[in-house]
Protein backbone atom coordinates (compact mmCIF):
# COMPACT_ATOMS: atom_id res chain seq x y z
CA MET A 1 -17.13 -4.50 5.46
CA ALA A 2 -14.05 -3.41 3.50
CA MET A 3 -12.12 -0.36 4.63
CA ASN A 4 -10.91 2.23 2.12
CA ILE A 5 -7.35 3.23 2.98
CA THR A 6 -5.05 5.89 1.51
CA TRP A 7 -1.47 6.25 2.67
CA THR A 8 1.25 8.66 1.61
CA ILE A 9 4.54 6.99 0.65
CA GLY A 10 7.20 9.63 0.21
CA LYS A 11 9.72 7.20 -1.28
CA ILE A 12 7.74 6.70 -4.51
CA LYS A 13 10.09 7.97 -7.25
CA CYS A 14 9.38 5.99 -10.43
CA ASP A 15 7.20 3.43 -12.19
CA GLY A 16 9.37 0.68 -10.71
CA CYS A 17 8.41 1.90 -7.25
CA VAL A 18 4.75 1.87 -8.25
CA GLN A 19 5.03 -1.72 -9.42
CA ALA A 20 6.94 -2.86 -6.32
CA ILE A 21 4.35 -1.30 -4.01
CA ALA A 22 1.43 -2.84 -5.90
CA GLU A 23 3.09 -6.27 -5.90
CA ALA A 24 3.87 -6.07 -2.17
CA LEU A 25 0.23 -5.28 -1.36
CA LEU A 26 -1.48 -7.66 -3.76
CA ILE A 27 0.07 -10.72 -2.11
CA VAL A 28 -1.49 -9.79 1.26
CA ASP A 29 -4.70 -11.67 2.00
CA GLY A 30 -7.65 -9.30 2.31
CA ILE A 31 -6.11 -6.47 0.25
CA HIS A 32 -7.59 -5.54 -3.13
CA ASP A 33 -8.27 -2.65 -5.51
CA VAL A 34 -4.72 -1.30 -5.12
CA VAL A 35 -3.99 2.00 -6.90
CA VAL A 36 -0.56 3.61 -6.60
CA ASP A 37 -0.32 7.27 -7.65
CA LEU A 38 3.21 8.33 -8.59
CA THR A 39 2.33 12.03 -8.84
CA GLU A 40 0.57 12.25 -5.48
CA LYS A 41 2.92 9.70 -3.83
CA THR A 42 -0.03 7.77 -2.43
CA VAL A 43 -1.38 4.26 -2.39
CA THR A 44 -5.09 3.60 -2.08
CA PHE A 45 -6.58 0.17 -1.48
CA LYS A 46 -9.37 -1.76 0.20
CA ALA A 47 -8.68 -3.92 3.24
CA ASP A 48 -11.16 -6.53 4.39
CA ASP A 49 -10.40 -5.74 8.05
CA GLN A 50 -7.92 -4.04 10.37
CA ALA A 51 -5.73 -7.16 10.51
CA SER A 52 -5.32 -7.02 6.71
CA ALA A 53 -4.45 -3.32 6.89
CA ASP A 54 -1.81 -4.06 9.54
CA LEU A 55 -0.34 -6.79 7.32
CA ALA A 56 -0.33 -4.36 4.38
CA LYS A 57 1.71 -1.86 6.39
CA LYS A 58 4.20 -4.57 7.34
CA ALA A 59 4.45 -5.69 3.70
CA LEU A 60 5.29 -2.14 2.61
CA VAL A 61 7.93 -1.78 5.31
CA ARG A 62 9.51 -5.09 4.19
CA ALA A 63 9.48 -3.81 0.59
CA SER A 64 11.32 -0.63 1.74
CA PHE A 65 8.30 1.63 1.14
CA PRO A 66 7.05 2.44 4.64
CA PRO A 67 3.84 4.47 4.60
CA ASP A 68 3.82 7.86 6.31
CA VAL A 69 1.36 6.61 8.92
CA ARG A 70 1.62 7.36 12.62
């Protein structure tokens, strides 16, 4: 069952950031329905499982957009 995930990403500043975040997530297996909100500084997506969500977090860190997740 897919998990709905929303993370805050404080470093979102422009449409280029939105595109970079979406691209970083869409190449991760098991991640889909990515929506990046510039105004709210959030990214929402579906992950097929926890392993996919963990890979998504790593992908965002590599892309220099670490989520504000503890």
